[in-house]
Amino acid sequence: MIRRDLITGAILAGGRGLRMDGADKGLLQFQGRPLISHVVDAIRPQVGDIIVSANRHQDRYAQLGFPVVSDHDGGFAGPLAGVARVLEEAVTPYVLIVPCDMPFLPQRLASDLAEALAKSDAQAALAYGAGRLQPLCALLRRDVAKDLYAYREAGGAKVRQWLVRLRHVVAEFPDGREAFRNINTPEELLAAAP
């Protein structure tokens, strides 16, 4: 069994927000609070520590009370750069990766992924919900960092492509349609509000 205190939750908020007209998605207001606050609320009971990966507005993200890290690459090198950075910073043996734009994450995301990982010889447990693999909702062994660096050095940039080349197991979330709903556009932000 993988206890929650052995898991660091890593919230990826380092993107350009191109489909959101360049807005910093994690800081957009949703139901009266920044979008990332809903993600924090969802994962805080599931993990021991939290790290936020952000490439701008680090001071505003720091107000959440968690460490904030930026990509080494400078600029916006994609989610794998954020994953690499949080794997480097985490001190726990496991890291739960989630995006900042999924405010309805499952209450058992970490525990179900941890259960799947503990029952296997895998390096990663990947969430499957809403009819597809959710590559940015994964529980990783922190020691996969070396493989990630090698993959990126060889020119790799796709999260899903990197994850499926690891020894992995998939955990299914039958209620995934709403739970894995992400907010990428202004229209989706409006539609998600009650």
Protein backbone atom coordinates (compact mmCIF):
# COMPACT_ATOMS: atom_id res chain seq x y z
CA MET A 1 0.00 0.00 0.00
CA ILE A 2 1.21 3.51 -0.84
CA ARG A 3 0.32 5.92 1.95
CA ARG A 4 -0.73 9.46 1.07
CA ASP A 5 2.23 10.93 2.97
CA LEU A 6 4.49 9.22 0.41
CA ILE A 7 2.85 11.15 -2.44
CA THR A 8 3.53 14.71 -3.57
CA GLY A 9 0.75 16.31 -5.57
CA ALA A 10 2.13 18.28 -8.50
CA ILE A 11 -0.21 20.78 -10.15
CA LEU A 12 0.88 21.76 -13.66
CA ALA A 13 0.07 25.43 -14.24
CA GLY A 14 2.94 26.41 -16.51
CA GLY A 15 1.24 26.57 -19.90
CA ARG A 16 0.67 29.47 -22.24
CA GLY A 17 -3.11 29.19 -22.19
CA LEU A 18 -3.30 29.71 -25.94
CA ARG A 19 -6.87 28.40 -26.24
CA MET A 20 -7.77 30.71 -23.34
CA ASP A 21 -6.55 33.79 -25.21
CA GLY A 22 -3.19 33.65 -23.43
CA ALA A 23 -4.64 33.78 -19.92
CA ASP A 24 -2.89 32.02 -17.05
CA LYS A 25 -5.55 29.32 -16.65
CA GLY A 26 -4.84 28.43 -13.06
CA LEU A 27 -5.60 31.98 -11.97
CA LEU A 28 -8.86 32.40 -13.88
CA GLN A 29 -11.89 32.89 -11.66
CA PHE A 30 -14.19 29.89 -11.45
CA GLN A 31 -17.06 29.84 -8.96
CA GLY A 32 -15.55 32.85 -7.20
CA ARG A 33 -12.03 31.47 -6.76
CA PRO A 34 -8.98 30.80 -8.94
CA LEU A 35 -9.34 27.59 -10.95
CA ILE A 36 -6.25 26.11 -9.29
CA SER A 37 -7.87 26.48 -5.85
CA HIS A 38 -10.47 23.88 -6.86
CA VAL A 39 -7.69 21.51 -7.93
CA VAL A 40 -5.90 22.07 -4.61
CA ASP A 41 -9.13 21.28 -2.74
CA ALA A 42 -9.53 18.08 -4.75
CA ILE A 43 -6.03 16.69 -4.18
CA ARG A 44 -5.02 18.11 -0.77
CA PRO A 45 -6.76 15.30 1.19
CA GLN A 46 -5.16 12.73 -1.12
CA VAL A 47 -1.46 13.64 -0.86
CA GLY A 48 1.19 14.56 1.69
CA ASP A 49 2.73 17.59 -0.02
CA ILE A 50 1.85 19.83 -2.96
CA ILE A 51 4.11 21.57 -5.49
CA VAL A 52 2.89 24.00 -8.14
CA SER A 53 4.66 24.18 -11.50
CA ALA A 54 4.20 27.68 -12.96
CA ASN A 55 6.16 29.75 -15.46
CA ARG A 56 4.54 33.11 -14.71
CA HIS A 57 2.79 34.81 -11.79
CA GLN A 58 4.81 32.69 -9.36
CA ASP A 59 4.14 35.20 -6.58
CA ARG A 60 0.38 34.76 -6.97
CA TYR A 61 0.67 30.97 -6.99
CA ALA A 62 2.90 31.14 -3.89
CA GLN A 63 -0.04 32.73 -2.03
CA LEU A 64 -1.61 29.25 -2.04
CA GLY A 65 1.02 28.29 0.53
CA PHE A 66 2.92 25.69 -1.47
CA PRO A 67 6.34 25.67 -3.17
CA VAL A 68 6.26 27.01 -6.73
CA VAL A 69 8.79 25.85 -9.33
CA SER A 70 9.42 26.91 -12.92
CA ASP A 71 10.76 25.00 -15.91
CA HIS A 72 14.54 24.92 -16.26
CA ASP A 73 14.16 25.46 -20.00
CA GLY A 74 12.83 28.97 -19.58
CA GLY A 75 9.68 29.99 -21.33
CA PHE A 76 7.02 27.43 -22.11
CA ALA A 77 8.58 24.09 -23.04
CA GLY A 78 5.39 22.07 -22.51
CA PRO A 79 4.02 19.90 -19.72
CA LEU A 80 6.93 17.46 -19.74
CA ALA A 81 9.24 20.29 -18.66
CA GLY A 82 6.93 20.89 -15.70
CA VAL A 83 6.80 17.19 -14.89
CA ALA A 84 10.60 17.00 -14.98
CA ARG A 85 10.90 19.95 -12.62
CA VAL A 86 8.46 18.61 -10.03
CA LEU A 87 10.06 15.15 -10.13
CA GLU A 88 13.33 16.91 -9.33
CA GLU A 89 11.85 18.95 -6.46
CA ALA A 90 9.68 16.31 -4.78
CA VAL A 91 11.12 14.50 -1.78
CA THR A 92 8.51 11.74 -1.63
CA PRO A 93 8.94 8.51 -3.62
CA TYR A 94 5.72 9.12 -5.60
CA VAL A 95 4.34 12.12 -7.47
CA LEU A 96 0.73 12.63 -8.51
CA ILE A 97 0.59 14.78 -11.65
CA VAL A 98 -2.58 16.80 -12.30
CA PRO A 99 -3.34 19.84 -14.48
CA CYS A 100 -4.56 23.16 -13.09
CA ASP A 101 -7.64 23.15 -15.32
CA MET A 102 -9.54 20.10 -13.98
CA PRO A 103 -11.60 21.40 -11.05
CA PHE A 104 -13.70 18.24 -10.61
CA LEU A 105 -10.98 15.61 -10.09
CA PRO A 106 -12.06 12.33 -8.45
CA GLN A 107 -11.85 12.15 -4.65
CA ARG A 108 -10.10 8.79 -4.99
CA LEU A 109 -7.73 9.72 -7.80
CA ALA A 110 -4.52 9.25 -5.80
CA SER A 111 -5.70 6.23 -3.81
CA ASP A 112 -7.02 4.35 -6.86
CA LEU A 113 -3.86 5.08 -8.83
CA ALA A 114 -1.74 4.11 -5.82
CA GLU A 115 -3.63 0.84 -5.43
CA ALA A 116 -3.08 0.00 -9.10
CA LEU A 117 0.61 0.91 -8.87
CA ALA A 118 1.17 -1.06 -5.66
CA LYS A 119 -0.32 -4.21 -7.21
CA SER A 120 2.07 -4.11 -10.15
CA ASP A 121 5.71 -3.73 -11.06
CA ALA A 122 4.86 -0.52 -12.92
CA GLN A 123 6.63 2.81 -12.83
CA ALA A 124 3.46 4.77 -13.49
CA ALA A 125 -0.28 4.44 -12.96
CA LEU A 126 -2.37 6.29 -15.55
CA ALA A 127 -5.98 7.38 -15.18
CA TYR A 128 -8.52 6.28 -17.75
CA GLY A 129 -11.79 8.18 -17.71
CA ALA A 130 -14.26 9.97 -19.98
CA GLY A 131 -13.56 7.30 -22.60
CA ARG A 132 -9.83 7.92 -22.92
CA LEU A 133 -6.46 7.90 -21.21
CA GLN A 134 -5.86 11.04 -19.15
CA PRO A 135 -2.09 11.46 -19.49
CA LEU A 136 -1.89 14.47 -17.18
CA CYS A 137 -3.51 12.53 -14.33
CA ALA A 138 -0.89 10.01 -13.35
CA LEU A 139 0.92 8.67 -10.32
CA LEU A 140 4.63 8.31 -11.01
CA ARG A 141 7.50 6.78 -9.14
CA ARG A 142 9.90 9.67 -8.65
CA ASP A 143 12.78 7.57 -9.97
CA VAL A 144 11.37 7.83 -13.51
CA ALA A 145 13.01 11.27 -13.69
CA LYS A 146 16.15 9.81 -15.35
CA ASP A 147 14.05 8.20 -18.06
CA LEU A 148 12.21 11.47 -18.61
CA TYR A 149 15.44 13.42 -18.98
CA ALA A 150 16.73 10.86 -21.50
CA TYR A 151 13.45 11.02 -23.44
CA ARG A 152 13.56 14.81 -23.58
CA GLU A 153 17.26 14.85 -24.51
CA ALA A 154 16.38 12.62 -27.47
CA GLY A 155 13.84 15.21 -28.61
CA GLY A 156 10.71 13.68 -27.07
CA ALA A 157 7.99 16.14 -26.10
CA LYS A 158 4.71 14.22 -25.86
CA VAL A 159 3.44 13.34 -22.37
CA ARG A 160 1.37 10.36 -23.45
CA GLN A 161 4.17 8.97 -25.63
CA TRP A 162 6.61 9.13 -22.72
CA LEU A 163 4.20 7.64 -20.19
CA VAL A 164 3.21 4.62 -22.28
CA ARG A 165 6.83 3.70 -22.89
CA LEU A 166 7.27 3.32 -19.12
CA ARG A 167 6.13 0.16 -17.37
CA HIS A 168 2.63 1.35 -16.63
CA VAL A 169 -0.73 0.24 -15.36
CA VAL A 170 -4.09 1.86 -16.09
CA ALA A 171 -6.73 2.61 -13.45
CA GLU A 172 -10.25 3.09 -14.73
CA PHE A 173 -12.54 5.79 -13.36
CA PRO A 174 -16.10 5.02 -14.44
CA ASP A 175 -17.38 8.46 -13.33
CA GLY A 176 -14.69 10.11 -15.41
CA ARG A 177 -16.81 12.20 -17.78
CA GLU A 178 -17.28 15.05 -15.30
CA ALA A 179 -14.29 14.25 -13.10
CA PHE A 180 -11.82 14.69 -15.97
CA ARG A 181 -13.56 17.66 -17.53
CA ASN A 182 -10.91 20.26 -18.23
CA ILE A 183 -11.39 23.92 -18.99
CA ASN A 184 -9.37 25.04 -22.00
CA THR A 185 -11.43 27.82 -23.58
CA PRO A 186 -13.50 30.80 -22.41
CA GLU A 187 -16.61 28.93 -23.60
CA GLU A 188 -15.73 25.88 -21.50
CA LEU A 189 -15.18 28.12 -18.49
CA LEU A 190 -18.66 29.59 -18.89
CA ALA A 191 -20.24 26.18 -19.54
CA ALA A 192 -18.66 24.63 -16.43
CA ALA A 193 -20.11 27.24 -14.08
CA PRO A 194 -23.38 26.15 -12.41
